[in-house]
Amino acid sequence: MTVELRVAEGWLTVCELDALIPGRGVAALLPDGSQAAVFVDRGGRPYAISNRDPFTGAQVLSRGLVGCCDGRAFVASPLLKQRFDLESGRCLDDDGVAVRTYPVRTAATS
């Protein structure tokens, strides 16, 4: 199974699903030059958000700590520790801030 992100050009294969470790993210360079942070939860569900921390501008969210709050998966920035919901991109610590989310799917490899 591969993990694919929806970008302007269509579905982009990022990696094999079994290459992702629950609780750890990977960064993916996208065709437009931006980066996505890709995660998988313990149930095998993949998520993808922007890798750019909106508070610092650094491309570091893929290196953040993954956790759960009220049943929602989040990543905490490794720099200032703000938490971002992996499904909605909303900052759990500042309602006025969010990061981009990407539609993500798994696909069978041929």
N, C-alpha and C. Protein backbone atom coordinates (compact mmCIF):
# COMPACT_ATOMS: atom_id res chain seq x y z
N MET A 1 0.84 -1.17 0.00
CA MET A 1 0.00 0.00 0.00
C MET A 1 0.89 1.24 0.00
N THR A 2 0.51 2.21 -0.82
CA THR A 2 1.23 3.48 -0.84
C THR A 2 0.36 4.58 -0.24
N VAL A 3 1.01 5.62 0.24
CA VAL A 3 0.33 6.81 0.74
C VAL A 3 0.41 7.86 -0.35
N GLU A 4 -0.75 8.44 -0.69
CA GLU A 4 -0.83 9.44 -1.75
C GLU A 4 -1.50 10.70 -1.22
N LEU A 5 -0.98 11.85 -1.64
CA LEU A 5 -1.56 13.14 -1.29
C LEU A 5 -2.18 13.77 -2.52
N ARG A 6 -3.28 14.47 -2.32
CA ARG A 6 -3.93 15.20 -3.41
C ARG A 6 -3.29 16.57 -3.51
N VAL A 7 -2.66 16.85 -4.64
CA VAL A 7 -2.06 18.14 -4.94
C VAL A 7 -2.69 18.67 -6.22
N ALA A 8 -2.33 19.87 -6.63
CA ALA A 8 -2.94 20.49 -7.81
C ALA A 8 -2.83 19.60 -9.05
N GLU A 9 -1.75 18.86 -9.17
CA GLU A 9 -1.51 18.03 -10.35
C GLU A 9 -2.23 16.68 -10.29
N GLY A 10 -2.83 16.35 -9.16
CA GLY A 10 -3.49 15.05 -8.98
C GLY A 10 -2.96 14.35 -7.75
N TRP A 11 -3.02 13.03 -7.74
CA TRP A 11 -2.55 12.26 -6.58
C TRP A 11 -1.05 12.02 -6.71
N LEU A 12 -0.32 12.36 -5.65
CA LEU A 12 1.13 12.23 -5.59
C LEU A 12 1.49 11.12 -4.62
N THR A 13 2.21 10.10 -5.10
CA THR A 13 2.67 9.03 -4.21
C THR A 13 3.81 9.56 -3.36
N VAL A 14 3.69 9.38 -2.04
CA VAL A 14 4.69 9.86 -1.10
C VAL A 14 5.62 8.74 -0.65
N CYS A 15 5.04 7.63 -0.19
CA CYS A 15 5.84 6.52 0.32
C CYS A 15 4.97 5.30 0.51
N GLU A 16 5.59 4.22 0.90
CA GLU A 16 4.85 3.02 1.28
C GLU A 16 4.25 3.24 2.66
N LEU A 17 3.03 2.78 2.88
CA LEU A 17 2.37 2.93 4.17
C LEU A 17 3.19 2.31 5.29
N ASP A 18 3.78 1.14 5.04
CA ASP A 18 4.54 0.48 6.10
C ASP A 18 5.89 1.16 6.39
N ALA A 19 6.25 2.19 5.62
CA ALA A 19 7.45 2.97 5.91
C ALA A 19 7.18 4.01 7.00
N LEU A 20 5.91 4.29 7.25
CA LEU A 20 5.55 5.27 8.28
C LEU A 20 5.43 4.57 9.63
N ILE A 21 5.93 5.23 10.65
CA ILE A 21 5.89 4.70 12.01
C ILE A 21 4.90 5.52 12.81
N PRO A 22 3.91 4.89 13.45
CA PRO A 22 2.96 5.65 14.26
C PRO A 22 3.71 6.52 15.28
N GLY A 23 3.29 7.78 15.36
CA GLY A 23 3.91 8.69 16.30
C GLY A 23 5.08 9.47 15.73
N ARG A 24 5.49 9.16 14.50
CA ARG A 24 6.59 9.87 13.86
C ARG A 24 6.15 10.33 12.48
N GLY A 25 6.61 11.50 12.07
CA GLY A 25 6.24 12.03 10.77
C GLY A 25 7.39 11.97 9.79
N VAL A 26 7.06 12.17 8.53
CA VAL A 26 8.05 12.31 7.48
C VAL A 26 7.68 13.56 6.67
N ALA A 27 8.69 14.21 6.13
CA ALA A 27 8.47 15.38 5.28
C ALA A 27 8.48 14.94 3.83
N ALA A 28 7.61 15.54 3.04
CA ALA A 28 7.53 15.25 1.61
C ALA A 28 7.61 16.56 0.84
N LEU A 29 8.49 16.62 -0.14
CA LEU A 29 8.59 17.78 -1.02
C LEU A 29 7.52 17.66 -2.09
N LEU A 30 6.72 18.69 -2.24
CA LEU A 30 5.62 18.68 -3.20
C LEU A 30 6.03 19.36 -4.50
N PRO A 31 5.32 19.09 -5.60
CA PRO A 31 5.70 19.65 -6.90
C PRO A 31 5.80 21.17 -6.94
N ASP A 32 5.03 21.87 -6.09
CA ASP A 32 5.08 23.34 -6.09
C ASP A 32 6.21 23.89 -5.22
N GLY A 33 7.02 23.01 -4.64
CA GLY A 33 8.14 23.43 -3.80
C GLY A 33 7.82 23.52 -2.33
N SER A 34 6.55 23.40 -1.97
CA SER A 34 6.18 23.40 -0.55
C SER A 34 6.42 22.01 0.03
N GLN A 35 6.22 21.88 1.33
CA GLN A 35 6.44 20.60 2.00
C GLN A 35 5.19 20.19 2.76
N ALA A 36 4.97 18.89 2.84
CA ALA A 36 3.90 18.33 3.65
C ALA A 36 4.53 17.47 4.73
N ALA A 37 3.88 17.41 5.88
CA ALA A 37 4.26 16.50 6.96
C ALA A 37 3.24 15.37 6.94
N VAL A 38 3.72 14.14 6.83
CA VAL A 38 2.84 12.98 6.68
C VAL A 38 2.98 12.10 7.92
N PHE A 39 1.85 11.69 8.46
CA PHE A 39 1.81 10.88 9.68
C PHE A 39 0.86 9.71 9.49
N VAL A 40 1.00 8.71 10.34
CA VAL A 40 0.03 7.62 10.41
C VAL A 40 -0.25 7.37 11.88
N ASP A 41 -1.53 7.14 12.21
CA ASP A 41 -1.85 6.85 13.60
C ASP A 41 -1.72 5.35 13.87
N ARG A 42 -1.92 4.96 15.10
CA ARG A 42 -1.75 3.54 15.48
C ARG A 42 -2.74 2.62 14.77
N GLY A 43 -3.85 3.18 14.30
CA GLY A 43 -4.83 2.41 13.55
C GLY A 43 -4.52 2.30 12.07
N GLY A 44 -3.43 2.94 11.63
CA GLY A 44 -3.03 2.88 10.23
C GLY A 44 -3.61 3.97 9.36
N ARG A 45 -4.30 4.95 9.96
CA ARG A 45 -4.89 6.04 9.19
C ARG A 45 -3.83 7.11 8.92
N PRO A 46 -3.62 7.46 7.65
CA PRO A 46 -2.64 8.50 7.33
C PRO A 46 -3.25 9.91 7.39
N TYR A 47 -2.39 10.89 7.67
CA TYR A 47 -2.75 12.30 7.70
C TYR A 47 -1.65 13.08 7.00
N ALA A 48 -1.99 14.24 6.46
CA ALA A 48 -0.98 15.11 5.87
C ALA A 48 -1.37 16.57 6.10
N ILE A 49 -0.41 17.32 6.63
CA ILE A 49 -0.58 18.75 6.85
C ILE A 49 0.65 19.47 6.30
N SER A 50 0.57 20.78 6.24
CA SER A 50 1.75 21.55 5.85
C SER A 50 2.87 21.29 6.85
N ASN A 51 4.09 21.22 6.37
CA ASN A 51 5.24 21.01 7.26
C ASN A 51 5.71 22.32 7.89
N ARG A 52 5.18 23.44 7.42
CA ARG A 52 5.62 24.77 7.89
C ARG A 52 4.92 25.16 9.18
N ASP A 53 5.69 25.40 10.22
CA ASP A 53 5.17 25.90 11.48
C ASP A 53 4.80 27.38 11.28
N PRO A 54 3.52 27.74 11.39
CA PRO A 54 3.12 29.12 11.11
C PRO A 54 3.64 30.13 12.14
N PHE A 55 4.07 29.67 13.29
CA PHE A 55 4.56 30.58 14.32
C PHE A 55 6.03 30.95 14.11
N THR A 56 6.80 30.07 13.47
CA THR A 56 8.23 30.34 13.27
C THR A 56 8.64 30.40 11.81
N GLY A 57 7.83 29.82 10.93
CA GLY A 57 8.17 29.74 9.51
C GLY A 57 9.08 28.58 9.17
N ALA A 58 9.51 27.83 10.17
CA ALA A 58 10.41 26.69 9.94
C ALA A 58 9.63 25.47 9.45
N GLN A 59 10.26 24.68 8.60
CA GLN A 59 9.67 23.45 8.05
C GLN A 59 9.98 22.30 9.02
N VAL A 60 9.21 22.20 10.11
CA VAL A 60 9.57 21.26 11.17
C VAL A 60 8.43 20.41 11.71
N LEU A 61 7.21 20.61 11.27
CA LEU A 61 6.10 19.89 11.89
C LEU A 61 6.23 18.37 11.75
N SER A 62 6.90 17.91 10.71
CA SER A 62 7.09 16.46 10.55
C SER A 62 7.93 15.88 11.68
N ARG A 63 8.67 16.71 12.40
CA ARG A 63 9.51 16.25 13.51
C ARG A 63 8.86 16.46 14.87
N GLY A 64 7.58 16.86 14.85
CA GLY A 64 6.87 17.13 16.10
C GLY A 64 6.43 15.87 16.81
N LEU A 65 5.94 16.09 18.03
CA LEU A 65 5.43 15.00 18.85
C LEU A 65 3.96 14.77 18.54
N VAL A 66 3.58 13.53 18.29
CA VAL A 66 2.20 13.18 17.97
C VAL A 66 1.50 12.74 19.24
N GLY A 67 0.27 13.20 19.40
CA GLY A 67 -0.51 12.83 20.56
C GLY A 67 -1.99 12.82 20.23
N CYS A 68 -2.81 12.73 21.27
CA CYS A 68 -4.25 12.69 21.10
C CYS A 68 -4.88 13.54 22.20
N CYS A 69 -5.87 14.35 21.83
CA CYS A 69 -6.59 15.20 22.77
C CYS A 69 -8.07 15.10 22.44
N ASP A 70 -8.88 14.65 23.39
CA ASP A 70 -10.31 14.48 23.17
C ASP A 70 -10.61 13.63 21.94
N GLY A 71 -9.81 12.59 21.74
CA GLY A 71 -10.02 11.68 20.62
C GLY A 71 -9.52 12.18 19.28
N ARG A 72 -8.84 13.32 19.26
CA ARG A 72 -8.34 13.91 18.00
C ARG A 72 -6.82 13.82 17.98
N ALA A 73 -6.29 13.30 16.87
CA ALA A 73 -4.84 13.22 16.70
C ALA A 73 -4.28 14.60 16.43
N PHE A 74 -3.13 14.91 17.03
CA PHE A 74 -2.48 16.19 16.80
C PHE A 74 -0.97 15.99 16.75
N VAL A 75 -0.28 17.01 16.22
CA VAL A 75 1.17 17.07 16.29
C VAL A 75 1.52 18.37 16.99
N ALA A 76 2.49 18.28 17.91
CA ALA A 76 2.98 19.46 18.61
C ALA A 76 4.29 19.89 17.94
N SER A 77 4.37 21.15 17.58
CA SER A 77 5.58 21.67 16.96
C SER A 77 6.78 21.42 17.86
N PRO A 78 7.90 20.97 17.28
CA PRO A 78 9.09 20.74 18.11
C PRO A 78 9.73 22.04 18.59
N LEU A 79 9.30 23.17 18.06
CA LEU A 79 9.92 24.44 18.46
C LEU A 79 9.18 25.10 19.62
N LEU A 80 7.96 25.56 19.39
CA LEU A 80 7.24 26.30 20.43
C LEU A 80 6.11 25.48 21.05
N LYS A 81 5.93 24.24 20.60
CA LYS A 81 4.99 23.27 21.17
C LYS A 81 3.51 23.50 20.89
N GLN A 82 3.15 24.43 19.99
CA GLN A 82 1.74 24.56 19.64
C GLN A 82 1.28 23.26 18.99
N ARG A 83 0.03 22.88 19.28
CA ARG A 83 -0.53 21.63 18.77
C ARG A 83 -1.46 21.89 17.60
N PHE A 84 -1.33 21.06 16.55
CA PHE A 84 -2.14 21.18 15.34
C PHE A 84 -2.91 19.89 15.12
N ASP A 85 -4.24 20.03 14.99
CA ASP A 85 -5.11 18.90 14.72
C ASP A 85 -4.73 18.31 13.36
N LEU A 86 -4.47 17.02 13.30
CA LEU A 86 -4.03 16.40 12.05
C LEU A 86 -5.15 16.26 11.02
N GLU A 87 -6.38 16.34 11.45
CA GLU A 87 -7.49 16.22 10.50
C GLU A 87 -7.90 17.58 9.94
N SER A 88 -8.01 18.58 10.80
CA SER A 88 -8.51 19.90 10.36
C SER A 88 -7.39 20.92 10.13
N GLY A 89 -6.22 20.70 10.73
CA GLY A 89 -5.13 21.67 10.64
C GLY A 89 -5.22 22.79 11.66
N ARG A 90 -6.32 22.84 12.40
CA ARG A 90 -6.55 23.91 13.38
C ARG A 90 -5.55 23.83 14.53
N CYS A 91 -5.05 24.99 14.94
CA CYS A 91 -4.16 25.05 16.10
C CYS A 91 -5.02 24.91 17.35
N LEU A 92 -4.71 23.95 18.20
CA LEU A 92 -5.48 23.72 19.41
C LEU A 92 -5.16 24.75 20.49
N ASP A 93 -4.11 25.53 20.30
CA ASP A 93 -3.68 26.49 21.30
C ASP A 93 -3.94 27.94 20.88
N ASP A 94 -4.38 28.17 19.65
CA ASP A 94 -4.65 29.51 19.15
C ASP A 94 -5.70 29.40 18.04
N ASP A 95 -6.94 29.71 18.37
CA ASP A 95 -8.06 29.53 17.42
C ASP A 95 -7.89 30.28 16.11
N GLY A 96 -7.05 31.30 16.07
CA GLY A 96 -6.88 32.10 14.87
C GLY A 96 -5.83 31.57 13.91
N VAL A 97 -5.25 30.42 14.21
CA VAL A 97 -4.16 29.88 13.40
C VAL A 97 -4.50 28.46 12.95
N ALA A 98 -4.13 28.14 11.73
CA ALA A 98 -4.30 26.78 11.20
C ALA A 98 -3.23 26.53 10.15
N VAL A 99 -2.97 25.27 9.88
CA VAL A 99 -2.08 24.88 8.80
C VAL A 99 -2.90 24.17 7.74
N ARG A 100 -2.38 24.16 6.54
CA ARG A 100 -3.07 23.49 5.42
C ARG A 100 -3.10 21.99 5.67
N THR A 101 -4.20 21.39 5.30
CA THR A 101 -4.30 19.92 5.31
C THR A 101 -4.38 19.45 3.87
N TYR A 102 -4.00 18.22 3.65
CA TYR A 102 -4.05 17.62 2.32
C TYR A 102 -4.91 16.37 2.36
N PRO A 103 -5.79 16.20 1.37
CA PRO A 103 -6.49 14.93 1.26
C PRO A 103 -5.44 13.82 1.09
N VAL A 104 -5.63 12.73 1.78
CA VAL A 104 -4.66 11.64 1.75
C VAL A 104 -5.41 10.33 1.61
N ARG A 105 -4.81 9.41 0.89
CA ARG A 105 -5.43 8.09 0.72
C ARG A 105 -4.32 7.05 0.63
N THR A 106 -4.73 5.81 0.80
CA THR A 106 -3.81 4.71 0.55
C THR A 106 -4.27 4.00 -0.71
N ALA A 107 -3.32 3.50 -1.45
CA ALA A 107 -3.64 2.81 -2.70
C ALA A 107 -2.82 1.54 -2.78
N ALA A 108 -3.40 0.54 -3.37
CA ALA A 108 -2.70 -0.73 -3.55
C ALA A 108 -1.57 -0.55 -4.56
N THR A 109 -0.45 -1.16 -4.28
CA THR A 109 0.66 -1.13 -5.22
C THR A 109 0.50 -2.27 -6.20
N SER A 110 0.93 -2.03 -7.41
CA SER A 110 0.75 -3.07 -8.44
C SER A 110 1.93 -3.98 -8.53
